[in-house]
Amino acid sequence: MQQGGTTLKILSAAIAILLVASGAVAAAQAPKHFPAKCDAACLNGAVDSYLEALVAHDPAKVALSPKVEFVENTVPMKPGEGLWKTASAVPTTFKIYVPDPVSEQVGFLGVMKEGDKPLLLALRLKIRGGQIVAAEHLIARNLRENSMKNLEAPRPVFLATVPPAERNSRADMLKIGATYYPALTTADSNNAPFADDCLRHENGMQTTGNPPPKTPGFGTMGAMGCAAQLRTGVMNYIKRIEPVRVMIADPEHGLVFGLSHFRHPMKEKSLKITGVPGVTSQPMNFKPFDLPAAHIFKVYGGKMHEIEAMGFTMPYDSKTGWENFPDHGR
């Protein structure tokens, strides 16, 4: 009887050890929640943790809410789908973070790999209660080879802090960033406070401020600044940009992160061009299309100085993917 009792005690102790061990393993595997008050460093760290989990193809490695809302290139998905299956390397040298502790959101633009090919990822994460409740991917693939030199590292201005005397408030920065879109749809540069030194890149391609061509012509428009180029009429085909979501700003670095959906009916077969020597019209033989996009604006002193943009084409009048998630789409 005593021997049986001893055996029972040994078995009970072994089971207890196994239970404790399994609990410890589960605890070790469970991702840590982010702090209740996620500051800028915390938000940037959330991006890094998310990207590491993405490349590991394991959503369990980052603190995702069980009800996380995830949209990739306008398609609602579940963690583990889309880029979660194909990402092969995290961003290394081209990385721009836009943390906003007020909205508990962070925007990010970076070059990473899918297989052996680079892609440009715009990422938005929204954190509530220490967990990611919304994640958004915009992915530009098939990047032009001659644009990759501009995607090796961010322009220094996007990493630099803004002197306190030149900083705008978060609220003013959001308003300034939001002016970019009506300036395009109205073809009126007066609707946005473009600085004289405004320089724009799109998917790595420099689209303003290039060296003037030897022979005046279409290349002249690429040498103009943001405001002057808009005044030529070259963007008059942009009729609608909706929705526009500008809700993330970092006053310390003067960065505003905006998401938008360009909708191009392309009814014009040509555009009237003014102010460009030797150019009076621009052929526009394109079918209707949409362009989901992300922009990071460098804003200080009440002006928009630099723009880093990315986008990709979709069928005309496509959905955004956030129609069923109105709260977390913002």
C-alpha atoms as a PDB file:
ATOM      1  CA  MET A   1       0.000   0.000   0.000  1.00  0.00           C
ATOM      2  CA  GLN A   2       2.814   2.341   0.865  1.00  0.00           C
ATOM      3  CA  GLN A   3       4.576   1.496  -2.383  1.00  0.00           C
ATOM      4  CA  GLY A   4       1.397   2.313  -4.357  1.00  0.00           C
ATOM      5  CA  GLY A   5       1.052   5.590  -2.504  1.00  0.00           C
ATOM      6  CA  THR A   6       4.660   6.471  -3.273  1.00  0.00           C
ATOM      7  CA  THR A   7       4.133   5.704  -6.954  1.00  0.00           C
ATOM      8  CA  LEU A   8       1.018   7.902  -6.999  1.00  0.00           C
ATOM      9  CA  LYS A   9       2.955  10.782  -5.417  1.00  0.00           C
ATOM     10  CA  ILE A  10       5.730  10.418  -7.975  1.00  0.00           C
ATOM     11  CA  LEU A  11       3.221  10.433 -10.839  1.00  0.00           C
ATOM     12  CA  SER A  12       1.448  13.472  -9.406  1.00  0.00           C
ATOM     13  CA  ALA A  13       4.744  15.326  -9.055  1.00  0.00           C
ATOM     14  CA  ALA A  14       5.723  14.451 -12.622  1.00  0.00           C
ATOM     15  CA  ILE A  15       2.381  15.685 -13.969  1.00  0.00           C
ATOM     16  CA  ALA A  16       2.764  18.904 -11.998  1.00  0.00           C
ATOM     17  CA  ILE A  17       6.241  19.445 -13.432  1.00  0.00           C
ATOM     18  CA  LEU A  18       4.938  18.832 -16.950  1.00  0.00           C
ATOM     19  CA  LEU A  19       2.093  21.292 -16.425  1.00  0.00           C
ATOM     20  CA  VAL A  20       4.454  23.961 -15.123  1.00  0.00           C
ATOM     21  CA  ALA A  21       6.887  23.326 -17.964  1.00  0.00           C
ATOM     22  CA  SER A  22       4.198  23.468 -20.621  1.00  0.00           C
ATOM     23  CA  GLY A  23       2.885  26.683 -19.085  1.00  0.00           C
ATOM     24  CA  ALA A  24       6.366  28.172 -19.181  1.00  0.00           C
ATOM     25  CA  VAL A  25       6.774  27.197 -22.833  1.00  0.00           C
ATOM     26  CA  ALA A  26       3.412  28.730 -23.696  1.00  0.00           C
ATOM     27  CA  ALA A  27       4.335  31.904 -21.838  1.00  0.00           C
ATOM     28  CA  ALA A  28       7.675  32.046 -23.659  1.00  0.00           C
ATOM     29  CA  GLN A  29       5.957  31.643 -27.012  1.00  0.00           C
ATOM     30  CA  ALA A  30       3.230  34.218 -26.367  1.00  0.00           C
ATOM     31  CA  PRO A  31       4.292  37.618 -27.737  1.00  0.00           C
ATOM     32  CA  LYS A  32       4.619  40.420 -25.213  1.00  0.00           C
ATOM     33  CA  HIS A  33       1.981  43.121 -25.345  1.00  0.00           C
ATOM     34  CA  PHE A  34       3.140  46.616 -26.123  1.00  0.00           C
ATOM     35  CA  PRO A  35       2.995  49.129 -23.255  1.00  0.00           C
ATOM     36  CA  ALA A  36      -0.388  50.665 -22.509  1.00  0.00           C
ATOM     37  CA  LYS A  37       1.138  54.041 -23.375  1.00  0.00           C
ATOM     38  CA  CYS A  38       3.025  53.326 -26.592  1.00  0.00           C
ATOM     39  CA  ASP A  39       5.397  56.236 -27.216  1.00  0.00           C
ATOM     40  CA  ALA A  40       7.327  56.941 -30.423  1.00  0.00           C
ATOM     41  CA  ALA A  41      10.086  54.432 -29.650  1.00  0.00           C
ATOM     42  CA  CYS A  42       7.458  51.825 -28.800  1.00  0.00           C
ATOM     43  CA  LEU A  43       5.591  52.433 -32.065  1.00  0.00           C
ATOM     44  CA  ASN A  44       8.774  52.178 -34.118  1.00  0.00           C
ATOM     45  CA  GLY A  45       9.612  48.990 -32.243  1.00  0.00           C
ATOM     46  CA  ALA A  46       6.162  47.638 -33.072  1.00  0.00           C
ATOM     47  CA  VAL A  47       6.966  48.092 -36.760  1.00  0.00           C
ATOM     48  CA  ASP A  48      10.227  46.171 -36.369  1.00  0.00           C
ATOM     49  CA  SER A  49       8.542  43.374 -34.415  1.00  0.00           C
ATOM     50  CA  TYR A  50       5.766  43.159 -36.985  1.00  0.00           C
ATOM     51  CA  LEU A  51       8.199  42.980 -39.906  1.00  0.00           C
ATOM     52  CA  GLU A  52      10.281  40.296 -38.200  1.00  0.00           C
ATOM     53  CA  ALA A  53       7.152  38.221 -37.648  1.00  0.00           C
ATOM     54  CA  LEU A  54       6.134  38.847 -41.248  1.00  0.00           C
ATOM     55  CA  VAL A  55       9.406  37.506 -42.607  1.00  0.00           C
ATOM     56  CA  ALA A  56       9.224  34.550 -40.189  1.00  0.00           C
ATOM     57  CA  HIS A  57       5.752  33.825 -41.657  1.00  0.00           C
ATOM     58  CA  ASP A  58       4.466  33.577 -38.095  1.00  0.00           C
ATOM     59  CA  PRO A  59       1.765  35.998 -36.857  1.00  0.00           C
ATOM     60  CA  ALA A  60       2.117  34.478 -33.371  1.00  0.00           C
ATOM     61  CA  LYS A  61       5.469  36.242 -32.987  1.00  0.00           C
ATOM     62  CA  VAL A  62       3.887  39.699 -32.631  1.00  0.00           C
ATOM     63  CA  ALA A  63       1.127  41.017 -30.376  1.00  0.00           C
ATOM     64  CA  LEU A  64      -1.825  40.964 -32.754  1.00  0.00           C
ATOM     65  CA  SER A  65      -5.327  41.359 -31.408  1.00  0.00           C
ATOM     66  CA  PRO A  66      -7.438  38.200 -31.903  1.00  0.00           C
ATOM     67  CA  LYS A  67      -9.767  40.477 -33.873  1.00  0.00           C
ATOM     68  CA  VAL A  68      -7.053  42.307 -35.824  1.00  0.00           C
ATOM     69  CA  GLU A  69      -8.273  43.868 -39.057  1.00  0.00           C
ATOM     70  CA  PHE A  70      -5.790  43.378 -41.887  1.00  0.00           C
ATOM     71  CA  VAL A  71      -5.947  44.721 -45.440  1.00  0.00           C
ATOM     72  CA  GLU A  72      -3.293  44.244 -48.119  1.00  0.00           C
ATOM     73  CA  ASN A  73      -3.450  46.111 -51.428  1.00  0.00           C
ATOM     74  CA  THR A  74      -7.164  46.802 -50.819  1.00  0.00           C
ATOM     75  CA  VAL A  75      -8.000  43.136 -50.100  1.00  0.00           C
ATOM     76  CA  PRO A  76      -9.174  42.156 -46.571  1.00  0.00           C
ATOM     77  CA  MET A  77      -7.091  39.199 -45.402  1.00  0.00           C
ATOM     78  CA  LYS A  78      -6.169  37.239 -42.301  1.00  0.00           C
ATOM     79  CA  PRO A  79      -2.693  37.327 -40.707  1.00  0.00           C
ATOM     80  CA  GLY A  80      -0.689  34.597 -42.381  1.00  0.00           C
ATOM     81  CA  GLU A  81      -1.989  35.455 -45.831  1.00  0.00           C
ATOM     82  CA  GLY A  82      -0.569  37.720 -48.531  1.00  0.00           C
ATOM     83  CA  LEU A  83       2.892  39.071 -47.776  1.00  0.00           C
ATOM     84  CA  TRP A  84       2.907  36.931 -44.629  1.00  0.00           C
ATOM     85  CA  LYS A  85       3.551  33.976 -46.950  1.00  0.00           C
ATOM     86  CA  THR A  86       6.047  35.535 -49.349  1.00  0.00           C
ATOM     87  CA  ALA A  87       8.204  38.080 -47.461  1.00  0.00           C
ATOM     88  CA  SER A  88      11.824  36.966 -47.405  1.00  0.00           C
ATOM     89  CA  ALA A  89      13.852  39.822 -45.865  1.00  0.00           C
ATOM     90  CA  VAL A  90      13.079  42.791 -43.628  1.00  0.00           C
ATOM     91  CA  PRO A  91      13.910  46.343 -44.729  1.00  0.00           C
ATOM     92  CA  THR A  92      17.536  47.180 -44.074  1.00  0.00           C
ATOM     93  CA  THR A  93      18.703  50.552 -45.386  1.00  0.00           C
ATOM     94  CA  PHE A  94      15.577  52.268 -46.744  1.00  0.00           C
ATOM     95  CA  LYS A  95      13.287  52.831 -43.755  1.00  0.00           C
ATOM     96  CA  ILE A  96      11.140  55.824 -42.804  1.00  0.00           C
ATOM     97  CA  TYR A  97       9.083  55.687 -39.593  1.00  0.00           C
ATOM     98  CA  VAL A  98       6.245  58.076 -38.744  1.00  0.00           C
ATOM     99  CA  PRO A  99       5.190  57.373 -35.133  1.00  0.00           C
ATOM    100  CA  ASP A 100       2.172  59.149 -33.652  1.00  0.00           C
ATOM    101  CA  PRO A 101       1.523  58.385 -29.961  1.00  0.00           C
ATOM    102  CA  VAL A 102      -1.565  60.636 -29.992  1.00  0.00           C
ATOM    103  CA  SER A 103      -3.414  58.400 -32.450  1.00  0.00           C
ATOM    104  CA  GLU A 104      -1.517  55.283 -31.296  1.00  0.00           C
ATOM    105  CA  GLN A 105      -0.653  54.637 -34.916  1.00  0.00           C
ATOM    106  CA  VAL A 106       2.549  54.422 -36.899  1.00  0.00           C
ATOM    107  CA  GLY A 107       3.205  54.782 -40.603  1.00  0.00           C
ATOM    108  CA  PHE A 108       6.209  53.257 -42.304  1.00  0.00           C
ATOM    109  CA  LEU A 109       7.788  53.128 -45.736  1.00  0.00           C
ATOM    110  CA  GLY A 110      10.542  50.634 -46.466  1.00  0.00           C
ATOM    111  CA  VAL A 111      12.173  48.467 -49.094  1.00  0.00           C
ATOM    112  CA  MET A 112      12.138  44.764 -48.285  1.00  0.00           C
ATOM    113  CA  LYS A 113      12.343  41.533 -50.254  1.00  0.00           C
ATOM    114  CA  GLU A 114       9.883  39.022 -51.579  1.00  0.00           C
ATOM    115  CA  GLY A 115      11.883  36.051 -52.780  1.00  0.00           C
ATOM    116  CA  ASP A 116      14.914  37.658 -54.413  1.00  0.00           C
ATOM    117  CA  LYS A 117      13.087  40.779 -55.597  1.00  0.00           C
ATOM    118  CA  PRO A 118      12.728  44.137 -53.839  1.00  0.00           C
ATOM    119  CA  LEU A 119       9.360  45.684 -53.096  1.00  0.00           C
ATOM    120  CA  LEU A 120       8.314  48.992 -51.575  1.00  0.00           C
ATOM    121  CA  LEU A 121       6.043  48.540 -48.560  1.00  0.00           C
ATOM    122  CA  ALA A 122       3.868  51.196 -46.999  1.00  0.00           C
ATOM    123  CA  LEU A 123       2.699  49.943 -43.618  1.00  0.00           C
ATOM    124  CA  ARG A 124       0.200  51.301 -41.098  1.00  0.00           C
ATOM    125  CA  LEU A 125      -0.251  49.790 -37.648  1.00  0.00           C
ATOM    126  CA  LYS A 126      -2.856  50.804 -35.091  1.00  0.00           C
ATOM    127  CA  ILE A 127      -2.367  49.795 -31.445  1.00  0.00           C
ATOM    128  CA  ARG A 128      -4.977  49.625 -28.716  1.00  0.00           C
ATOM    129  CA  GLY A 129      -4.558  48.043 -25.291  1.00  0.00           C
ATOM    130  CA  GLY A 130      -1.047  46.851 -26.092  1.00  0.00           C
ATOM    131  CA  GLN A 131      -2.070  44.940 -29.217  1.00  0.00           C
ATOM    132  CA  ILE A 132      -2.154  45.656 -32.934  1.00  0.00           C
ATOM    133  CA  VAL A 133      -5.822  46.028 -33.856  1.00  0.00           C
ATOM    134  CA  ALA A 134      -5.317  47.116 -37.475  1.00  0.00           C
ATOM    135  CA  ALA A 135      -2.585  46.442 -40.015  1.00  0.00           C
ATOM    136  CA  GLU A 136      -2.444  47.786 -43.534  1.00  0.00           C
ATOM    137  CA  HIS A 137      -0.050  46.890 -46.360  1.00  0.00           C
ATOM    138  CA  LEU A 138       0.361  48.808 -49.609  1.00  0.00           C
ATOM    139  CA  ILE A 139       2.894  47.089 -51.839  1.00  0.00           C
ATOM    140  CA  ALA A 140       4.584  48.373 -54.987  1.00  0.00           C
ATOM    141  CA  ARG A 141       6.247  45.575 -56.925  1.00  0.00           C
ATOM    142  CA  ASN A 142       8.110  45.612 -60.261  1.00  0.00           C
ATOM    143  CA  LEU A 143      10.102  48.685 -59.287  1.00  0.00           C
ATOM    144  CA  ARG A 144      12.044  50.361 -62.099  1.00  0.00           C
ATOM    145  CA  GLU A 145      15.695  49.467 -62.095  1.00  0.00           C
ATOM    146  CA  ASN A 146      16.725  53.081 -62.688  1.00  0.00           C
ATOM    147  CA  SER A 147      14.724  54.148 -59.606  1.00  0.00           C
ATOM    148  CA  MET A 148      16.414  51.778 -57.191  1.00  0.00           C
ATOM    149  CA  LYS A 149      19.284  54.196 -56.498  1.00  0.00           C
ATOM    150  CA  ASN A 150      16.736  56.456 -54.784  1.00  0.00           C
ATOM    151  CA  LEU A 151      15.503  53.534 -52.683  1.00  0.00           C
ATOM    152  CA  GLU A 152      18.875  52.576 -51.224  1.00  0.00           C
ATOM    153  CA  ALA A 153      18.476  54.967 -48.296  1.00  0.00           C
ATOM    154  CA  PRO A 154      15.989  57.686 -47.301  1.00  0.00           C
ATOM    155  CA  ARG A 155      16.796  61.268 -48.143  1.00  0.00           C
ATOM    156  CA  PRO A 156      18.497  62.662 -45.010  1.00  0.00           C
ATOM    157  CA  VAL A 157      15.728  65.223 -44.500  1.00  0.00           C
ATOM    158  CA  PHE A 158      13.275  62.417 -43.632  1.00  0.00           C
ATOM    159  CA  LEU A 159      15.488  61.269 -40.761  1.00  0.00           C
ATOM    160  CA  ALA A 160      16.385  64.715 -39.424  1.00  0.00           C
ATOM    161  CA  THR A 161      14.632  66.304 -36.475  1.00  0.00           C
ATOM    162  CA  VAL A 162      13.069  69.719 -36.997  1.00  0.00           C
ATOM    163  CA  PRO A 163      14.381  72.586 -34.828  1.00  0.00           C
ATOM    164  CA  PRO A 164      11.703  73.421 -32.227  1.00  0.00           C
ATOM    165  CA  ALA A 165      11.274  76.949 -33.586  1.00  0.00           C
ATOM    166  CA  GLU A 166      10.322  75.574 -37.037  1.00  0.00           C
ATOM    167  CA  ARG A 167       7.978  72.826 -35.870  1.00  0.00           C
ATOM    168  CA  ASN A 168       4.269  72.896 -36.533  1.00  0.00           C
ATOM    169  CA  SER A 169       1.703  71.439 -34.168  1.00  0.00           C
ATOM    170  CA  ARG A 170       0.407  67.961 -34.887  1.00  0.00           C
ATOM    171  CA  ALA A 171      -3.014  69.369 -35.765  1.00  0.00           C
ATOM    172  CA  ASP A 172      -1.537  71.888 -38.212  1.00  0.00           C
ATOM    173  CA  MET A 173       0.680  69.224 -39.780  1.00  0.00           C
ATOM    174  CA  LEU A 174      -2.320  66.994 -40.476  1.00  0.00           C
ATOM    175  CA  LYS A 175      -4.132  69.922 -42.103  1.00  0.00           C
ATOM    176  CA  ILE A 176      -1.097  70.798 -44.226  1.00  0.00           C
ATOM    177  CA  GLY A 177      -0.618  67.199 -45.366  1.00  0.00           C
ATOM    178  CA  ALA A 178      -4.295  66.930 -46.287  1.00  0.00           C
ATOM    179  CA  THR A 179      -4.057  69.984 -48.585  1.00  0.00           C
ATOM    180  CA  TYR A 180      -1.936  68.038 -51.058  1.00  0.00           C
ATOM    181  CA  TYR A 181      -4.878  66.091 -52.436  1.00  0.00           C
ATOM    182  CA  PRO A 182      -7.284  68.956 -53.277  1.00  0.00           C
ATOM    183  CA  ALA A 183      -4.328  70.815 -54.807  1.00  0.00           C
ATOM    184  CA  LEU A 184      -4.053  67.928 -57.277  1.00  0.00           C
ATOM    185  CA  THR A 185      -7.755  67.517 -58.008  1.00  0.00           C
ATOM    186  CA  THR A 186      -8.235  71.252 -58.536  1.00  0.00           C
ATOM    187  CA  ALA A 187      -4.921  71.591 -60.409  1.00  0.00           C
ATOM    188  CA  ASP A 188      -4.275  74.649 -58.243  1.00  0.00           C
ATOM    189  CA  SER A 189      -0.935  74.881 -56.467  1.00  0.00           C
ATOM    190  CA  ASN A 190      -2.338  77.651 -54.295  1.00  0.00           C
ATOM    191  CA  ASN A 191      -4.404  75.056 -52.426  1.00  0.00           C
ATOM    192  CA  ALA A 192      -1.333  73.569 -50.741  1.00  0.00           C
ATOM    193  CA  PRO A 193       1.614  75.362 -49.069  1.00  0.00           C
ATOM    194  CA  PHE A 194       4.377  73.999 -51.316  1.00  0.00           C
ATOM    195  CA  ALA A 195       7.830  75.241 -50.385  1.00  0.00           C
ATOM    196  CA  ASP A 196      10.095  76.451 -53.169  1.00  0.00           C
ATOM    197  CA  ASP A 197      12.405  73.494 -52.509  1.00  0.00           C
ATOM    198  CA  CYS A 198       9.597  70.894 -52.649  1.00  0.00           C
ATOM    199  CA  LEU A 199      10.939  67.653 -54.113  1.00  0.00           C
ATOM    200  CA  ARG A 200       8.875  64.532 -54.842  1.00  0.00           C
ATOM    201  CA  HIS A 201       9.810  60.888 -55.382  1.00  0.00           C
ATOM    202  CA  GLU A 202       7.252  58.282 -56.515  1.00  0.00           C
ATOM    203  CA  ASN A 203       8.186  54.597 -56.208  1.00  0.00           C
ATOM    204  CA  GLY A 204      11.766  55.825 -56.111  1.00  0.00           C
ATOM    205  CA  MET A 205      11.504  57.877 -59.308  1.00  0.00           C
ATOM    206  CA  GLN A 206      12.321  61.575 -58.888  1.00  0.00           C
ATOM    207  CA  THR A 207       9.411  63.434 -60.490  1.00  0.00           C
ATOM    208  CA  THR A 208      10.293  67.055 -59.649  1.00  0.00           C
ATOM    209  CA  GLY A 209      13.521  69.031 -59.276  1.00  0.00           C
ATOM    210  CA  ASN A 210      15.518  67.058 -61.835  1.00  0.00           C
ATOM    211  CA  PRO A 211      18.365  68.730 -63.761  1.00  0.00           C
ATOM    212  CA  PRO A 212      16.948  70.761 -66.678  1.00  0.00           C
ATOM    213  CA  PRO A 213      17.183  68.975 -70.015  1.00  0.00           C
ATOM    214  CA  LYS A 214      19.537  70.323 -72.682  1.00  0.00           C
ATOM    215  CA  THR A 215      16.615  70.682 -75.062  1.00  0.00           C
ATOM    216  CA  PRO A 216      13.354  72.168 -73.709  1.00  0.00           C
ATOM    217  CA  GLY A 217      10.413  69.802 -73.922  1.00  0.00           C
ATOM    218  CA  PHE A 218       8.541  67.288 -71.785  1.00  0.00           C
ATOM    219  CA  GLY A 219      11.649  66.820 -69.629  1.00  0.00           C
ATOM    220  CA  THR A 220      11.311  70.435 -68.535  1.00  0.00           C
ATOM    221  CA  MET A 221       8.296  69.512 -66.404  1.00  0.00           C
ATOM    222  CA  GLY A 222      10.399  67.012 -64.464  1.00  0.00           C
ATOM    223  CA  ALA A 223      12.860  69.791 -63.651  1.00  0.00           C
ATOM    224  CA  MET A 224      10.179  71.992 -62.118  1.00  0.00           C
ATOM    225  CA  GLY A 225       9.253  72.231 -58.446  1.00  0.00           C
ATOM    226  CA  CYS A 226       6.024  70.791 -57.040  1.00  0.00           C
ATOM    227  CA  ALA A 227       3.981  73.989 -57.447  1.00  0.00           C
ATOM    228  CA  ALA A 228       5.325  75.019 -60.862  1.00  0.00           C
ATOM    229  CA  GLN A 229       4.788  71.544 -62.290  1.00  0.00           C
ATOM    230  CA  LEU A 230       1.191  71.483 -61.079  1.00  0.00           C
ATOM    231  CA  ARG A 231       0.538  74.846 -62.755  1.00  0.00           C
ATOM    232  CA  THR A 232       1.440  73.411 -66.191  1.00  0.00           C
ATOM    233  CA  GLY A 233      -1.743  71.312 -66.247  1.00  0.00           C
ATOM    234  CA  VAL A 234       0.099  68.006 -66.493  1.00  0.00           C
ATOM    235  CA  MET A 235      -1.964  66.583 -63.609  1.00  0.00           C
ATOM    236  CA  ASN A 236      -5.355  67.750 -64.824  1.00  0.00           C
ATOM    237  CA  TYR A 237      -6.352  64.118 -65.410  1.00  0.00           C
ATOM    238  CA  ILE A 238      -6.566  63.625 -61.612  1.00  0.00           C
ATOM    239  CA  LYS A 239     -10.278  64.121 -60.932  1.00  0.00           C
ATOM    240  CA  ARG A 240     -11.001  62.279 -57.683  1.00  0.00           C
ATOM    241  CA  ILE A 241      -8.961  61.175 -54.690  1.00  0.00           C
ATOM    242  CA  GLU A 242     -11.177  59.351 -52.229  1.00  0.00           C
ATOM    243  CA  PRO A 243     -10.943  58.356 -49.547  1.00  0.00           C
ATOM    244  CA  VAL A 244      -8.081  60.433 -48.172  1.00  0.00           C
ATOM    245  CA  ARG A 245      -6.800  59.364 -44.756  1.00  0.00           C
ATOM    246  CA  VAL A 246      -4.292  61.702 -43.144  1.00  0.00           C
ATOM    247  CA  MET A 247      -4.201  60.857 -39.439  1.00  0.00           C
ATOM    248  CA  ILE A 248      -0.550  60.188 -38.522  1.00  0.00           C
ATOM    249  CA  ALA A 249       1.996  62.933 -37.779  1.00  0.00           C
ATOM    250  CA  ASP A 250       5.360  63.198 -36.044  1.00  0.00           C
ATOM    251  CA  PRO A 251       6.119  66.858 -35.197  1.00  0.00           C
ATOM    252  CA  GLU A 252       9.636  66.069 -33.959  1.00  0.00           C
ATOM    253  CA  HIS A 253      10.712  64.927 -37.418  1.00  0.00           C
ATOM    254  CA  GLY A 254       8.120  66.973 -39.316  1.00  0.00           C
ATOM    255  CA  LEU A 255       6.585  63.933 -40.989  1.00  0.00           C
ATOM    256  CA  VAL A 256       2.987  63.372 -42.055  1.00  0.00           C
ATOM    257  CA  PHE A 257       1.782  59.972 -43.293  1.00  0.00           C
ATOM    258  CA  GLY A 258      -1.166  59.920 -45.671  1.00  0.00           C
ATOM    259  CA  LEU A 259      -3.103  57.141 -47.375  1.00  0.00           C
ATOM    260  CA  SER A 260      -5.307  57.794 -50.388  1.00  0.00           C
ATOM    261  CA  HIS A 261      -7.105  56.261 -53.337  1.00  0.00           C
ATOM    262  CA  PHE A 262      -6.679  58.067 -56.669  1.00  0.00           C
ATOM    263  CA  ARG A 263      -9.496  57.424 -59.163  1.00  0.00           C
ATOM    264  CA  HIS A 264      -8.790  58.269 -62.792  1.00  0.00           C
ATOM    265  CA  PRO A 265     -11.683  58.152 -65.297  1.00  0.00           C
ATOM    266  CA  MET A 266      -9.210  59.097 -68.085  1.00  0.00           C
ATOM    267  CA  LYS A 267     -11.836  60.712 -70.303  1.00  0.00           C
ATOM    268  CA  GLU A 268      -9.303  63.145 -71.755  1.00  0.00           C
ATOM    269  CA  LYS A 269      -7.249  61.949 -74.704  1.00  0.00           C
ATOM    270  CA  SER A 270      -4.857  64.837 -74.266  1.00  0.00           C
ATOM    271  CA  LEU A 271      -4.075  67.565 -71.728  1.00  0.00           C
ATOM    272  CA  LYS A 272      -3.441  71.218 -72.447  1.00  0.00           C
ATOM    273  CA  ILE A 273       0.020  72.165 -71.187  1.00  0.00           C
ATOM    274  CA  THR A 274       0.996  75.744 -70.385  1.00  0.00           C
ATOM    275  CA  GLY A 275       4.260  77.357 -69.371  1.00  0.00           C
ATOM    276  CA  VAL A 276       6.516  74.690 -70.903  1.00  0.00           C
ATOM    277  CA  PRO A 277       8.588  75.819 -73.913  1.00  0.00           C
ATOM    278  CA  GLY A 278       7.880  73.650 -76.947  1.00  0.00           C
ATOM    279  CA  VAL A 279       5.012  71.728 -75.296  1.00  0.00           C
ATOM    280  CA  THR A 280       1.346  72.572 -75.733  1.00  0.00           C
ATOM    281  CA  SER A 281      -0.310  69.214 -75.064  1.00  0.00           C
ATOM    282  CA  GLN A 282       0.260  65.850 -73.423  1.00  0.00           C
ATOM    283  CA  PRO A 283      -1.217  62.661 -74.991  1.00  0.00           C
ATOM    284  CA  MET A 284      -3.319  60.654 -72.508  1.00  0.00           C
ATOM    285  CA  ASN A 285      -4.289  57.413 -74.233  1.00  0.00           C
ATOM    286  CA  PHE A 286      -4.935  55.426 -71.062  1.00  0.00           C
ATOM    287  CA  LYS A 287      -7.825  53.319 -69.859  1.00  0.00           C
ATOM    288  CA  PRO A 288      -9.528  54.263 -66.539  1.00  0.00           C
ATOM    289  CA  PHE A 289      -7.632  53.082 -63.454  1.00  0.00           C
ATOM    290  CA  ASP A 290      -7.222  53.551 -59.715  1.00  0.00           C
ATOM    291  CA  LEU A 291      -4.023  54.214 -57.822  1.00  0.00           C
ATOM    292  CA  PRO A 292      -4.000  53.371 -54.095  1.00  0.00           C
ATOM    293  CA  ALA A 293      -1.119  55.370 -52.643  1.00  0.00           C
ATOM    294  CA  ALA A 294       0.834  56.341 -49.550  1.00  0.00           C
ATOM    295  CA  HIS A 295       2.672  59.626 -49.064  1.00  0.00           C
ATOM    296  CA  ILE A 296       5.088  60.883 -46.447  1.00  0.00           C
ATOM    297  CA  PHE A 297       5.303  64.671 -46.365  1.00  0.00           C
ATOM    298  CA  LYS A 298       8.149  66.606 -44.745  1.00  0.00           C
ATOM    299  CA  VAL A 299       6.435  69.582 -43.142  1.00  0.00           C
ATOM    300  CA  TYR A 300       7.976  72.429 -41.168  1.00  0.00           C
ATOM    301  CA  GLY A 301       7.648  76.182 -41.033  1.00  0.00           C
ATOM    302  CA  GLY A 302       4.114  75.807 -42.349  1.00  0.00           C
ATOM    303  CA  LYS A 303       5.366  74.450 -45.700  1.00  0.00           C
ATOM    304  CA  MET A 304       5.527  71.124 -47.509  1.00  0.00           C
ATOM    305  CA  HIS A 305       9.186  70.567 -48.404  1.00  0.00           C
ATOM    306  CA  GLU A 306       9.709  66.963 -49.490  1.00  0.00           C
ATOM    307  CA  ILE A 307       7.399  64.129 -50.547  1.00  0.00           C
ATOM    308  CA  GLU A 308       8.105  60.404 -50.630  1.00  0.00           C
ATOM    309  CA  ALA A 309       5.269  58.567 -52.378  1.00  0.00           C
ATOM    310  CA  MET A 310       4.402  55.060 -53.475  1.00  0.00           C
ATOM    311  CA  GLY A 311       1.468  53.502 -55.272  1.00  0.00           C
ATOM    312  CA  PHE A 312       0.220  50.755 -57.559  1.00  0.00           C
ATOM    313  CA  THR A 313      -2.545  50.440 -60.126  1.00  0.00           C
ATOM    314  CA  MET A 314      -5.942  48.813 -59.631  1.00  0.00           C
ATOM    315  CA  PRO A 315      -9.109  48.601 -61.729  1.00  0.00           C
ATOM    316  CA  TYR A 316     -11.137  51.801 -61.851  1.00  0.00           C
ATOM    317  CA  ASP A 317     -13.446  52.439 -58.877  1.00  0.00           C
ATOM    318  CA  SER A 318     -12.020  49.575 -56.809  1.00  0.00           C
ATOM    319  CA  LYS A 319     -12.917  49.162 -53.156  1.00  0.00           C
ATOM    320  CA  THR A 320     -10.387  50.190 -50.524  1.00  0.00           C
ATOM    321  CA  GLY A 321     -10.703  47.065 -48.373  1.00  0.00           C
ATOM    322  CA  TRP A 322     -11.717  49.117 -45.331  1.00  0.00           C
ATOM    323  CA  GLU A 323     -15.410  49.416 -46.128  1.00  0.00           C
ATOM    324  CA  ASN A 324     -16.265  46.823 -43.455  1.00  0.00           C
ATOM    325  CA  PHE A 325     -13.787  48.261 -40.918  1.00  0.00           C
ATOM    326  CA  PRO A 326     -14.665  51.973 -40.715  1.00  0.00           C
ATOM    327  CA  ASP A 327     -13.287  52.466 -37.207  1.00  0.00           C
ATOM    328  CA  HIS A 328      -9.889  50.897 -37.782  1.00  0.00           C
ATOM    329  CA  GLY A 329      -9.530  52.234 -41.301  1.00  0.00           C
ATOM    330  CA  ARG A 330      -8.692  55.545 -39.662  1.00  0.00           C
END
